Amino acid sequence: MGGDAGLWCERLVRGLGRHEFDVYALSRSRRQEDSGWVALPPQVGGVRTAPLWTAEDDGVAYGRRTRRRFIECYGELVASVCAGTRADAVSEEGATALADRFGNALYGLAELARDQGGLVGALRSDAAVRTLERACRAPGALRTAHEARVPDLLTVTAHLERALRPLSLDWYGDDSLGAADLCHAAAGGPAALPGLLARHFSDVPLLVTEYGVPLRSHYLTLGPDIATPAVRALLGAFHGRLATEVYRRAEILTPGNTHARRWQERCGADRARIRTVYPGMDAARFTEVGEAPDRAEPDTLVWVGRVEPAKDLISLLHAFAEVRKEEPKARLRIVGAPAGPEGAAYLGHCRALAAQLFPDEAEGAHAVGDNPVSFEEIGGPEAPTLPDAYAAGAVVVLSSVVEGFPIGLIEAMFCGRATVSTDVGAVVEVIGGTGLVVPPRNPRALAEACVALLRDPERRERLGAAARARALELFTVEQNIAAFHGLYLRIVSHCPVHRVVLDEAGEPRPFAAPAESHVPGRWTGPTARVLPRTVPGWATAPPVRATPLAAEGA
């Protein structure tokens, strides 16, 4: 794994030293696999990986009866996908029936893969394409599915084969995922399939964490410029059905913010099983800046992040032009590296716009001109470290038009900086009244908020202190680890333990199972309650054998 999700998983596993872990990782590219391995803490018993970016033909030859079984299961799966949202609109019972139809077909394919040794060849076969075509042409299917042509059918079939590759893994026996006390999936969608199958085959409880929304990311990635309407409709319906199944079967869902929570609820997640857990970040690296006296230049605005079109630096530059009319001494520092070729092109456009809006100013005829906008990168002389970049600004600005969980905003809060942000993603939830929030793509509103803070140092100081206190309370690694520790114990205390843990001598290990059990049944009396079964003298909870599932694409 890599990126923010990989960092979160590593911190979680290292922080929960009293639990035993087996790590199962799905990789999305060769570069990700070749990036190297990290040293494992002692609580990790083993690591198993499987590539989703490639899959050789399993060479499994199906007989006539097995082919008929595959066509039946796959036909039910794609028929529920081609039905789209029409059944949902009929009634709640219709939606439940359609979800059951998809789930039963999915588990039927998983059982077929377990019995026959794989599904890769079958999912790539002409029979799979013909089955999909029949489902698209069937009465009651989506109108866009009726319009699917042969290239569309081939594209959708290839995508489904890739998404369903976890069904063919040999991870679901009693010596692997079936032996875990719980499975913790680091994302929904195809990455949660191993945990879903462990629940189906071995009744292992499933915990799903989503700091992003895979279904939303799929919608954004597969835009009209990328795929035809038929492909978009069919794949969108598939991922919607898969998300619904994951949310229905998970014991607990832990979205990273309210934005992700709303998506889960719209996909059918039970509100009673949702617990929002904010991602944990390392606050120690920002302590010196956050607790030191303010050394920022009072007229400086700072933007920090990855340079790409979604960050809308164009609006920020136009807003800064308005700021300069009110505060001629104001300066803007843009600190960040471009995100790929698209980001590099966007950065060049921003530099050209800055040169046009703010011609180099010189105090005299023989002086060198100076532009009030500077473009820098972390590691340069002006910003050697990330905390130094935040420390240089009196106000930190976020101008994005698309944002998930704003990590940079939390970093600024750790540094005790007043912030001006656009109302996108989870920004309002993160800020919580400790900064100014304006509509996106509104340079005038952004400029007015920046001017208001530049002119009021006492307000900046007050907001910065409140922001730091909020960040330390909600967004640290410690609170994240404590939350999942409690969730692990809650889940295993309410779920039956099917395995017997033996010690070195082959005898059952005392206290290997959790010291609580859930009393089954429905209790409705006024004094009825579930009592924990405790072990006398047991002062701390026993270890849980958890199996984190690394997210695809993390």
Protein backbone atom coordinates (compact mmCIF):
# COMPACT_ATOMS: atom_id res chain seq x y z
CA MET A 1 0.00 0.00 0.00
CA GLY A 2 0.96 3.61 -0.30
CA GLY A 3 -0.42 7.07 0.22
CA ASP A 4 -2.61 8.21 3.10
CA ALA A 5 -4.48 4.88 3.36
CA GLY A 6 -1.24 2.93 3.64
CA LEU A 7 0.05 5.30 6.31
CA TRP A 8 -3.18 4.98 8.28
CA CYS A 9 -3.09 1.16 8.16
CA GLU A 10 0.52 1.09 9.32
CA ARG A 11 -0.19 3.42 12.24
CA LEU A 12 -3.22 1.37 13.24
CA VAL A 13 -1.41 -1.97 13.19
CA ARG A 14 1.61 -0.58 15.06
CA GLY A 15 -0.58 1.21 17.59
CA LEU A 16 -2.66 -1.84 18.50
CA GLY A 17 0.18 -3.86 19.95
CA ARG A 18 -2.11 -6.04 22.07
CA HIS A 19 -3.85 -7.50 19.01
CA GLU A 20 -2.54 -10.05 16.52
CA PHE A 21 -2.73 -9.20 12.83
CA ASP A 22 -2.50 -10.97 9.51
CA VAL A 23 -2.32 -8.55 6.58
CA TYR A 24 -3.98 -9.37 3.24
CA ALA A 25 -3.16 -6.80 0.56
CA LEU A 26 -4.60 -6.29 -2.93
CA SER A 27 -2.24 -4.35 -5.22
CA ARG A 28 -3.31 -2.32 -8.25
CA SER A 29 -0.05 -2.00 -10.22
CA ARG A 30 3.43 -3.45 -10.63
CA ARG A 31 4.95 -0.17 -9.49
CA GLN A 32 3.05 -0.49 -6.22
CA GLU A 33 4.41 -4.00 -5.67
CA ASP A 34 7.94 -2.97 -6.63
CA SER A 35 7.96 -0.01 -4.21
CA GLY A 36 9.32 -2.27 -1.50
CA TRP A 37 8.28 -3.72 1.83
CA VAL A 38 8.28 -2.14 5.26
CA ALA A 39 9.56 -3.67 8.48
CA LEU A 40 6.72 -5.42 10.29
CA PRO A 41 5.98 -5.08 14.01
CA PRO A 42 5.91 -8.30 16.07
CA GLN A 43 2.10 -8.37 16.26
CA VAL A 44 1.89 -9.06 12.50
CA GLY A 45 1.91 -12.79 11.97
CA GLY A 46 2.13 -12.73 8.17
CA VAL A 47 1.41 -10.90 4.95
CA ARG A 48 -0.28 -12.23 1.81
CA THR A 49 -0.61 -10.21 -1.38
CA ALA A 50 -2.56 -10.61 -4.59
CA PRO A 51 -2.36 -8.43 -7.70
CA LEU A 52 -5.59 -7.05 -9.12
CA TRP A 53 -3.80 -5.44 -12.04
CA THR A 54 -3.04 -8.75 -13.71
CA ALA A 55 -4.40 -12.28 -13.65
CA GLU A 56 -3.26 -15.22 -15.71
CA ASP A 57 -5.84 -17.63 -17.04
CA ASP A 58 -6.35 -20.20 -14.29
CA GLY A 59 -6.57 -22.99 -16.86
CA VAL A 60 -9.65 -24.44 -15.16
CA ALA A 61 -11.76 -26.43 -17.63
CA TYR A 62 -15.46 -26.45 -16.76
CA GLY A 63 -17.63 -29.42 -17.64
CA ARG A 64 -21.13 -29.04 -19.01
CA ARG A 65 -22.81 -29.03 -15.61
CA THR A 66 -20.29 -26.54 -14.19
CA ARG A 67 -20.70 -24.24 -17.20
CA ARG A 68 -24.46 -24.30 -16.69
CA ARG A 69 -23.96 -23.43 -13.02
CA PHE A 70 -21.67 -20.53 -13.93
CA ILE A 71 -24.11 -19.14 -16.49
CA GLU A 72 -26.94 -19.33 -13.96
CA CYS A 73 -25.01 -17.45 -11.26
CA TYR A 74 -23.41 -14.94 -13.61
CA GLY A 75 -26.75 -14.42 -15.38
CA GLU A 76 -28.43 -13.58 -12.06
CA LEU A 77 -25.60 -11.17 -11.20
CA VAL A 78 -25.70 -9.21 -14.46
CA ALA A 79 -29.51 -9.30 -14.57
CA SER A 80 -29.62 -7.54 -11.19
CA VAL A 81 -27.09 -5.04 -12.52
CA CYS A 82 -29.02 -4.41 -15.74
CA ALA A 83 -32.19 -3.83 -13.73
CA GLY A 84 -30.56 -0.61 -12.58
CA THR A 85 -32.63 1.48 -10.18
CA ARG A 86 -36.07 0.60 -11.52
CA ALA A 87 -36.73 -2.07 -8.92
CA ASP A 88 -35.53 0.36 -6.21
CA ALA A 89 -38.19 2.83 -7.26
CA VAL A 90 -41.00 0.27 -6.99
CA SER A 91 -40.90 -0.38 -3.26
CA GLU A 92 -38.62 -1.10 -0.36
CA GLU A 93 -39.43 -4.79 -0.75
CA GLY A 94 -38.38 -4.61 -4.40
CA ALA A 95 -35.08 -3.02 -3.50
CA THR A 96 -34.42 -5.67 -0.87
CA ALA A 97 -35.30 -8.45 -3.31
CA LEU A 98 -32.92 -7.03 -5.91
CA ALA A 99 -30.12 -6.72 -3.32
CA ASP A 100 -30.72 -10.32 -2.24
CA ARG A 101 -30.62 -11.42 -5.88
CA PHE A 102 -27.25 -9.74 -6.41
CA GLY A 103 -25.82 -11.10 -3.15
CA ASN A 104 -26.96 -14.67 -3.79
CA ALA A 105 -25.45 -14.59 -7.28
CA LEU A 106 -22.18 -13.17 -5.94
CA TYR A 107 -21.85 -15.89 -3.32
CA GLY A 108 -22.85 -18.51 -5.86
CA LEU A 109 -19.92 -17.44 -8.03
CA ALA A 110 -17.62 -17.50 -4.98
CA GLU A 111 -18.66 -21.04 -4.13
CA LEU A 112 -18.11 -22.07 -7.73
CA ALA A 113 -14.62 -20.55 -7.66
CA ARG A 114 -13.83 -22.42 -4.43
CA ASP A 115 -15.09 -25.74 -5.77
CA GLN A 116 -13.45 -25.48 -9.21
CA GLY A 117 -10.24 -23.57 -8.36
CA GLY A 118 -10.97 -20.27 -10.06
CA LEU A 119 -13.24 -18.07 -12.16
CA VAL A 120 -10.83 -16.07 -14.29
CA GLY A 121 -11.26 -18.06 -17.47
CA ALA A 122 -15.03 -18.27 -17.12
CA LEU A 123 -15.41 -14.52 -16.51
CA ARG A 124 -13.38 -13.85 -19.67
CA SER A 125 -15.22 -16.35 -21.83
CA ASP A 126 -17.58 -15.76 -24.73
CA ALA A 127 -20.30 -17.28 -22.57
CA ALA A 128 -19.91 -14.41 -20.11
CA VAL A 129 -20.27 -11.84 -22.91
CA ARG A 130 -23.36 -13.57 -24.31
CA THR A 131 -24.90 -13.80 -20.84
CA LEU A 132 -24.36 -10.07 -20.33
CA GLU A 133 -25.89 -9.34 -23.73
CA ARG A 134 -29.03 -11.35 -22.89
CA ALA A 135 -29.40 -9.45 -19.63
CA CYS A 136 -29.05 -6.10 -21.43
CA ARG A 137 -31.70 -7.06 -24.01
CA ALA A 138 -34.14 -8.53 -21.49
CA PRO A 139 -37.50 -6.80 -20.84
CA GLY A 140 -37.29 -4.34 -17.95
CA ALA A 141 -33.56 -3.69 -18.31
CA LEU A 142 -32.16 -0.19 -18.27
CA ARG A 143 -32.76 1.77 -21.45
CA THR A 144 -29.05 2.52 -21.69
CA ALA A 145 -28.33 -1.20 -21.28
CA HIS A 146 -30.54 -1.92 -24.30
CA GLU A 147 -28.30 0.42 -26.29
CA ALA A 148 -25.08 -1.43 -25.43
CA ARG A 149 -23.04 -2.49 -28.45
CA VAL A 150 -20.40 -5.19 -28.76
CA PRO A 151 -17.49 -2.93 -27.69
CA ASP A 152 -19.53 -1.84 -24.67
CA LEU A 153 -20.26 -5.46 -23.72
CA LEU A 154 -16.58 -6.38 -24.01
CA THR A 155 -15.55 -3.38 -21.87
CA VAL A 156 -18.07 -4.19 -19.14
CA THR A 157 -17.17 -7.89 -19.16
CA ALA A 158 -13.47 -7.07 -18.75
CA HIS A 159 -14.21 -4.68 -15.89
CA LEU A 160 -16.38 -7.23 -14.07
CA GLU A 161 -13.67 -9.86 -14.44
CA ARG A 162 -11.14 -7.53 -12.87
CA ALA A 163 -13.47 -6.47 -10.04
CA LEU A 164 -14.37 -10.09 -9.22
CA ARG A 165 -10.81 -11.44 -9.14
CA PRO A 166 -10.81 -11.67 -5.32
CA LEU A 167 -13.44 -14.42 -5.65
CA SER A 168 -10.76 -16.73 -7.11
CA LEU A 169 -8.23 -16.25 -4.28
CA ASP A 170 -7.36 -19.13 -1.95
CA TRP A 171 -7.74 -16.96 1.14
CA TYR A 172 -10.96 -18.30 2.62
CA GLY A 173 -9.97 -21.53 4.36
CA ASP A 174 -9.76 -22.23 8.07
CA ASP A 175 -6.01 -21.65 7.95
CA SER A 176 -6.31 -18.09 6.61
CA LEU A 177 -9.21 -15.61 6.72
CA GLY A 178 -11.52 -18.21 8.20
CA ALA A 179 -9.35 -18.32 11.35
CA ALA A 180 -9.62 -14.59 12.11
CA ASP A 181 -11.77 -13.12 14.87
CA LEU A 182 -12.69 -10.26 12.55
CA CYS A 183 -11.79 -8.87 9.13
CA HIS A 184 -11.09 -5.16 8.85
CA ALA A 185 -11.38 -3.88 5.27
CA ALA A 186 -9.56 -0.59 4.63
CA ALA A 187 -12.02 0.36 1.87
CA GLY A 188 -15.32 -0.71 0.37
CA GLY A 189 -15.94 -1.93 -3.16
CA PRO A 190 -13.84 -4.78 -4.61
CA ALA A 191 -11.28 -4.32 -1.80
CA ALA A 192 -13.89 -5.50 0.73
CA LEU A 193 -14.71 -8.69 -1.21
CA PRO A 194 -12.25 -10.91 0.75
CA GLY A 195 -13.84 -9.83 4.03
CA LEU A 196 -17.29 -10.32 2.56
CA LEU A 197 -16.44 -13.89 1.52
CA ALA A 198 -14.82 -14.65 4.89
CA ARG A 199 -18.12 -13.65 6.46
CA HIS A 200 -20.05 -15.83 4.01
CA PHE A 201 -17.88 -18.94 4.28
CA SER A 202 -16.77 -18.78 7.94
CA ASP A 203 -19.08 -16.24 9.60
CA VAL A 204 -16.14 -13.93 10.39
CA PRO A 205 -17.48 -10.46 11.32
CA LEU A 206 -16.56 -7.65 8.93
CA LEU A 207 -15.54 -4.09 9.80
CA VAL A 208 -15.35 -1.68 6.85
CA THR A 209 -13.52 1.66 7.00
CA GLU A 210 -13.96 4.24 4.25
CA TYR A 211 -12.07 7.51 4.38
CA GLY A 212 -13.02 8.09 0.78
CA VAL A 213 -16.11 6.89 -1.05
CA PRO A 214 -15.19 4.24 -3.67
CA LEU A 215 -18.58 4.52 -5.37
CA ARG A 216 -18.27 8.29 -5.71
CA SER A 217 -14.69 7.93 -6.98
CA HIS A 218 -15.93 5.48 -9.62
CA TYR A 219 -18.57 7.94 -10.80
CA LEU A 220 -16.01 10.75 -11.04
CA THR A 221 -13.38 8.62 -12.77
CA LEU A 222 -15.70 7.12 -15.38
CA GLY A 223 -16.86 10.42 -16.87
CA PRO A 224 -18.57 11.00 -20.23
CA ASP A 225 -15.20 11.57 -21.91
CA ILE A 226 -13.96 8.15 -20.77
CA ALA A 227 -16.82 5.74 -21.49
CA THR A 228 -20.09 5.47 -23.41
CA PRO A 229 -23.43 5.93 -21.60
CA ALA A 230 -24.09 2.18 -21.64
CA VAL A 231 -20.74 1.37 -20.02
CA ARG A 232 -21.17 4.10 -17.43
CA ALA A 233 -24.69 2.95 -16.53
CA LEU A 234 -23.81 -0.74 -16.25
CA LEU A 235 -20.60 -0.27 -14.25
CA GLY A 236 -22.25 2.33 -12.04
CA ALA A 237 -25.07 -0.11 -11.30
CA PHE A 238 -22.60 -2.92 -10.54
CA HIS A 239 -20.56 -0.85 -8.10
CA GLY A 240 -23.75 0.42 -6.50
CA ARG A 241 -25.00 -3.14 -5.97
CA LEU A 242 -21.62 -4.20 -4.57
CA ALA A 243 -21.52 -1.23 -2.17
CA THR A 244 -25.02 -2.09 -0.96
CA GLU A 245 -24.03 -5.71 -0.31
CA VAL A 246 -20.89 -4.69 1.60
CA TYR A 247 -22.84 -2.21 3.73
CA ARG A 248 -25.59 -4.75 4.44
CA ARG A 249 -23.20 -7.45 5.63
CA ALA A 250 -20.68 -5.37 7.59
CA GLU A 251 -20.97 -5.61 11.34
CA ILE A 252 -19.87 -1.97 11.69
CA LEU A 253 -19.06 0.74 9.14
CA THR A 254 -16.59 3.48 10.05
CA PRO A 255 -16.71 6.38 7.58
CA GLY A 256 -14.04 9.01 8.04
CA ASN A 257 -16.45 11.93 7.84
CA THR A 258 -20.11 12.86 7.50
CA HIS A 259 -19.78 13.19 3.72
CA ALA A 260 -18.81 9.50 3.42
CA ARG A 261 -21.48 8.57 5.96
CA ARG A 262 -24.22 10.14 3.82
CA TRP A 263 -23.09 8.10 0.81
CA GLN A 264 -23.20 4.92 2.87
CA GLU A 265 -26.71 5.65 4.14
CA ARG A 266 -27.94 6.35 0.61
CA CYS A 267 -26.59 2.97 -0.46
CA GLY A 268 -28.63 1.20 2.20
CA ALA A 269 -26.33 1.15 5.22
CA ASP A 270 -28.10 0.81 8.57
CA ARG A 271 -27.57 4.03 10.49
CA ALA A 272 -27.35 2.11 13.78
CA ARG A 273 -24.21 0.31 12.58
CA ILE A 274 -22.30 3.41 11.44
CA ARG A 275 -19.60 4.98 13.62
CA THR A 276 -17.70 7.99 12.29
CA VAL A 277 -13.98 7.67 13.04
CA TYR A 278 -11.77 10.50 11.83
CA PRO A 279 -8.40 9.57 10.32
CA GLY A 280 -5.52 9.91 12.72
CA MET A 281 -2.63 12.23 11.90
CA ASP A 282 0.75 12.72 13.53
CA ALA A 283 0.51 15.98 15.46
CA ALA A 284 4.04 15.81 16.92
CA ARG A 285 5.75 17.21 13.80
CA PHE A 286 3.63 20.38 14.07
CA THR A 287 4.01 20.86 17.84
CA GLU A 288 6.91 23.30 17.65
CA VAL A 289 5.07 25.62 15.27
CA GLY A 290 1.76 25.27 17.08
CA GLU A 291 3.18 26.10 20.50
CA ALA A 292 5.79 28.68 19.45
CA PRO A 293 5.03 32.41 19.31
CA ASP A 294 3.59 33.47 15.97
CA ARG A 295 6.51 34.26 13.66
CA ALA A 296 4.48 34.65 10.47
CA GLU A 297 4.58 37.78 8.38
CA PRO A 298 1.29 39.57 9.19
CA ASP A 299 0.45 40.28 5.54
CA THR A 300 1.14 36.82 4.09
CA LEU A 301 -1.38 34.29 2.80
CA VAL A 302 -0.20 30.69 2.34
CA TRP A 303 -1.62 27.90 0.21
CA VAL A 304 -0.12 24.40 0.67
CA GLY A 305 -0.96 21.26 -1.29
CA ARG A 306 -0.64 19.32 -4.53
CA VAL A 307 -1.02 21.55 -7.57
CA GLU A 308 -3.86 20.30 -9.77
CA PRO A 309 -7.02 21.76 -11.34
CA ALA A 310 -9.27 20.58 -8.48
CA LYS A 311 -7.44 22.96 -6.13
CA ASP A 312 -8.69 25.95 -8.19
CA LEU A 313 -5.64 28.14 -7.83
CA ILE A 314 -7.03 30.26 -10.66
CA SER A 315 -9.81 31.51 -8.39
CA LEU A 316 -7.28 32.02 -5.62
CA LEU A 317 -5.13 34.25 -7.84
CA HIS A 318 -8.15 36.31 -8.89
CA ALA A 319 -9.19 36.58 -5.23
CA PHE A 320 -5.69 37.74 -4.31
CA ALA A 321 -5.97 40.49 -6.91
CA GLU A 322 -8.97 41.78 -4.95
CA VAL A 323 -7.05 41.41 -1.68
CA ARG A 324 -4.22 43.57 -3.04
CA LYS A 325 -6.67 46.38 -3.75
CA GLU A 326 -7.55 46.47 -0.04
CA GLU A 327 -4.17 45.46 1.40
CA PRO A 328 -1.35 46.59 -0.95
CA LYS A 329 1.33 44.92 1.22
CA ALA A 330 -0.27 41.48 1.06
CA ARG A 331 1.71 38.56 -0.34
CA LEU A 332 0.64 35.08 -1.47
CA ARG A 333 2.89 32.03 -1.18
CA ILE A 334 1.81 28.94 -3.12
CA VAL A 335 3.74 25.95 -1.77
CA GLY A 336 3.39 22.59 -3.47
CA ALA A 337 4.54 20.27 -6.24
CA PRO A 338 2.48 19.52 -9.36
CA ALA A 339 0.46 16.30 -9.40
CA GLY A 340 1.63 14.57 -12.58
CA PRO A 341 1.71 15.99 -16.13
CA GLU A 342 -1.73 17.55 -15.75
CA GLY A 343 -0.61 19.29 -12.58
CA ALA A 344 2.56 20.54 -14.27
CA ALA A 345 0.55 22.07 -17.11
CA TYR A 346 -1.83 23.64 -14.61
CA LEU A 347 1.08 25.09 -12.63
CA GLY A 348 2.46 26.69 -15.80
CA HIS A 349 -0.95 28.25 -16.45
CA CYS A 350 -1.06 29.61 -12.90
CA ARG A 351 2.42 31.12 -13.21
CA ALA A 352 1.42 32.85 -16.44
CA LEU A 353 -1.75 34.22 -14.83
CA ALA A 354 0.18 35.47 -11.80
CA ALA A 355 2.66 37.30 -14.07
CA GLN A 356 -0.26 38.86 -15.93
CA LEU A 357 -2.22 39.91 -12.84
CA PHE A 358 0.78 41.09 -10.84
CA PRO A 359 3.57 42.57 -12.98
CA ASP A 360 6.86 42.68 -11.11
CA GLU A 361 6.89 45.71 -8.88
CA ALA A 362 10.07 47.78 -8.31
CA GLU A 363 10.63 50.60 -5.87
CA GLY A 364 12.72 52.56 -8.37
CA ALA A 365 14.02 52.63 -11.92
CA HIS A 366 17.20 50.79 -10.98
CA ALA A 367 15.67 48.22 -8.59
CA VAL A 368 14.77 44.64 -9.43
CA GLY A 369 11.04 44.00 -9.56
CA ASP A 370 9.34 41.68 -7.09
CA ASN A 371 6.12 39.71 -7.65
CA PRO A 372 3.77 39.44 -4.64
CA VAL A 373 2.96 35.84 -5.64
CA SER A 374 5.62 33.17 -5.19
CA PHE A 375 5.57 29.51 -6.25
CA GLU A 376 7.64 27.21 -4.04
CA GLU A 377 8.10 23.57 -3.11
CA ILE A 378 8.73 21.89 0.23
CA GLY A 379 12.47 21.51 0.72
CA GLY A 380 13.39 24.86 -0.79
CA PRO A 381 15.16 27.65 1.11
CA GLU A 382 11.91 29.45 1.93
CA ALA A 383 10.05 26.33 3.11
CA PRO A 384 12.50 23.60 4.15
CA THR A 385 9.80 21.57 5.92
CA LEU A 386 6.00 21.30 5.81
CA PRO A 387 5.55 22.97 9.24
CA ASP A 388 7.76 25.85 8.06
CA ALA A 389 5.42 26.40 5.12
CA TYR A 390 2.41 26.78 7.40
CA ALA A 391 4.36 28.87 9.90
CA ALA A 392 5.20 31.46 7.23
CA GLY A 393 1.58 32.53 6.72
CA ALA A 394 -0.68 34.64 8.87
CA VAL A 395 -3.64 32.99 7.13
CA VAL A 396 -3.77 29.56 5.42
CA VAL A 397 -6.10 29.36 2.42
CA LEU A 398 -7.84 26.36 0.85
CA SER A 399 -9.51 27.14 -2.49
CA SER A 400 -10.53 23.69 -3.76
CA VAL A 401 -13.64 22.89 -5.77
CA VAL A 402 -13.36 19.15 -4.99
CA GLU A 403 -12.04 17.87 -1.69
CA GLY A 404 -12.53 14.71 0.33
CA PHE A 405 -11.07 14.86 3.80
CA PRO A 406 -8.88 18.02 3.83
CA ILE A 407 -5.60 16.77 5.29
CA GLY A 408 -3.82 20.09 4.61
CA LEU A 409 -6.47 21.96 6.54
CA ILE A 410 -5.91 19.78 9.60
CA GLU A 411 -2.16 20.33 9.33
CA ALA A 412 -2.76 24.08 9.39
CA MET A 413 -4.98 23.62 12.45
CA PHE A 414 -2.24 21.66 14.22
CA CYS A 415 0.03 24.66 13.54
CA GLY A 416 -2.47 27.02 15.16
CA ARG A 417 -3.19 28.97 11.99
CA ALA A 418 -6.38 30.81 11.10
CA THR A 419 -7.86 29.46 7.89
CA VAL A 420 -10.10 30.51 5.01
CA SER A 421 -11.60 27.57 3.11
CA THR A 422 -14.15 26.79 0.44
CA ASP A 423 -17.22 24.79 1.41
CA VAL A 424 -16.40 21.45 -0.25
CA GLY A 425 -16.15 17.86 0.98
CA ALA A 426 -15.71 17.58 4.75
CA VAL A 427 -14.32 21.11 5.22
CA VAL A 428 -17.16 22.44 7.40
CA GLU A 429 -17.10 19.28 9.51
CA VAL A 430 -13.35 19.59 10.05
CA ILE A 431 -13.32 23.34 10.76
CA GLY A 432 -16.24 23.25 13.16
CA GLY A 433 -16.43 27.04 13.56
CA THR A 434 -12.69 27.64 14.00
CA GLY A 435 -12.16 29.21 10.56
CA LEU A 436 -13.93 31.10 7.80
CA VAL A 437 -15.72 29.13 5.06
CA VAL A 438 -16.88 30.60 1.73
CA PRO A 439 -18.59 29.14 -1.37
CA PRO A 440 -16.29 27.52 -3.99
CA ARG A 441 -15.53 29.31 -7.26
CA ASN A 442 -16.28 32.67 -5.63
CA PRO A 443 -13.11 34.85 -5.73
CA ARG A 444 -14.87 37.87 -4.25
CA ALA A 445 -16.07 35.98 -1.16
CA LEU A 446 -12.64 34.37 -0.77
CA ALA A 447 -10.98 37.80 -0.96
CA GLU A 448 -13.33 39.37 1.58
CA ALA A 449 -12.67 36.59 4.11
CA CYS A 450 -8.90 36.89 3.66
CA VAL A 451 -8.98 40.68 4.10
CA ALA A 452 -11.11 40.34 7.24
CA LEU A 453 -8.48 38.11 8.89
CA LEU A 454 -5.48 40.08 7.64
CA ARG A 455 -6.91 43.21 9.28
CA ASP A 456 -7.71 41.56 12.63
CA PRO A 457 -4.66 39.92 14.30
CA GLU A 458 -6.55 39.24 17.54
CA ARG A 459 -9.21 37.32 15.66
CA ARG A 460 -6.53 35.35 13.82
CA GLU A 461 -4.91 34.39 17.09
CA ARG A 462 -8.22 33.37 18.65
CA LEU A 463 -9.27 31.25 15.68
CA GLY A 464 -5.83 29.65 15.41
CA ALA A 465 -5.84 28.60 19.08
CA ALA A 466 -9.35 27.17 18.77
CA ALA A 467 -8.39 25.31 15.59
CA ARG A 468 -5.36 23.72 17.23
CA ALA A 469 -7.39 22.63 20.25
CA ARG A 470 -10.02 21.06 17.99
CA ALA A 471 -7.45 19.23 15.88
CA LEU A 472 -5.70 17.81 18.95
CA GLU A 473 -9.02 16.58 20.29
CA LEU A 474 -10.40 14.93 17.14
CA PHE A 475 -7.73 14.21 14.55
CA THR A 476 -4.72 12.63 16.25
CA VAL A 477 -3.36 9.13 15.77
CA GLU A 478 -4.08 8.36 19.41
CA GLN A 479 -7.81 9.02 19.17
CA ASN A 480 -8.02 6.96 15.98
CA ILE A 481 -6.27 3.97 17.54
CA ALA A 482 -8.37 4.18 20.71
CA ALA A 483 -11.57 4.24 18.65
CA PHE A 484 -10.67 1.11 16.67
CA HIS A 485 -9.47 -0.69 19.79
CA GLY A 486 -12.92 -0.22 21.28
CA LEU A 487 -14.65 -1.27 18.05
CA TYR A 488 -12.57 -4.45 17.80
CA LEU A 489 -13.55 -5.50 21.31
CA ARG A 490 -17.19 -4.58 20.74
CA ILE A 491 -17.44 -6.65 17.56
CA VAL A 492 -15.82 -9.82 18.90
CA SER A 493 -17.83 -9.61 22.12
CA HIS A 494 -21.07 -9.73 20.10
CA CYS A 495 -20.01 -12.42 17.63
CA PRO A 496 -19.50 -16.13 18.31
CA VAL A 497 -15.98 -17.55 18.35
CA HIS A 498 -15.74 -20.66 16.17
CA ARG A 499 -12.09 -21.55 16.59
CA VAL A 500 -10.17 -23.07 19.48
CA VAL A 501 -6.75 -21.51 20.04
CA LEU A 502 -4.13 -24.01 21.14
CA ASP A 503 -0.91 -23.33 23.01
CA GLU A 504 2.54 -24.85 22.30
CA ALA A 505 1.55 -28.10 24.02
CA GLY A 506 -1.58 -28.49 21.93
CA GLU A 507 -3.91 -27.61 24.78
CA PRO A 508 -6.63 -24.93 24.56
CA ARG A 509 -5.18 -21.56 25.51
CA PRO A 510 -6.97 -20.04 28.53
CA PHE A 511 -8.81 -16.78 27.87
CA ALA A 512 -8.05 -16.94 24.13
CA ALA A 513 -11.65 -16.04 23.39
CA PRO A 514 -13.07 -12.63 24.35
CA ALA A 515 -14.37 -12.47 27.92
CA GLU A 516 -17.85 -11.31 26.88
CA SER A 517 -20.64 -12.88 24.91
CA HIS A 518 -23.84 -11.58 23.38
CA VAL A 519 -27.09 -13.10 24.63
CA PRO A 520 -29.16 -13.86 21.51
CA GLY A 521 -32.82 -13.00 21.26
CA ARG A 522 -35.03 -9.90 21.41
CA TRP A 523 -35.55 -8.35 24.84
CA THR A 524 -38.35 -5.81 25.10
CA GLY A 525 -39.14 -5.62 28.80
CA PRO A 526 -38.50 -2.35 30.67
CA THR A 527 -35.72 -3.87 32.77
CA ALA A 528 -34.28 -6.23 30.18
CA ARG A 529 -30.65 -5.76 29.27
CA VAL A 530 -27.72 -7.77 27.96
CA LEU A 531 -25.25 -8.65 30.68
CA PRO A 532 -21.61 -9.32 29.83
CA ARG A 533 -20.12 -12.61 30.89
CA THR A 534 -16.94 -11.65 32.71
CA VAL A 535 -14.05 -13.70 34.00
CA PRO A 536 -13.17 -13.04 37.67
CA GLY A 537 -9.87 -11.27 38.04
CA TRP A 538 -9.75 -10.37 34.32
CA ALA A 539 -8.43 -6.80 34.33
CA THR A 540 -7.84 -6.22 30.63
CA ALA A 541 -9.49 -7.40 27.45
CA PRO A 542 -7.86 -10.36 25.66
CA PRO A 543 -6.17 -9.92 22.30
CA VAL A 544 -8.19 -10.00 19.11
CA ARG A 545 -6.84 -11.67 16.00
CA ALA A 546 -7.73 -9.11 13.35
CA THR A 547 -7.17 -9.35 9.63
CA PRO A 548 -6.83 -5.96 7.96
CA LEU A 549 -7.57 -6.01 4.25
CA ALA A 550 -5.59 -3.40 2.32
CA ALA A 551 -7.63 -1.30 -0.06
CA GLU A 552 -7.20 -1.68 -3.77
CA GLY A 553 -5.48 1.43 -5.04
CA ALA A 554 -4.45 2.60 -1.58
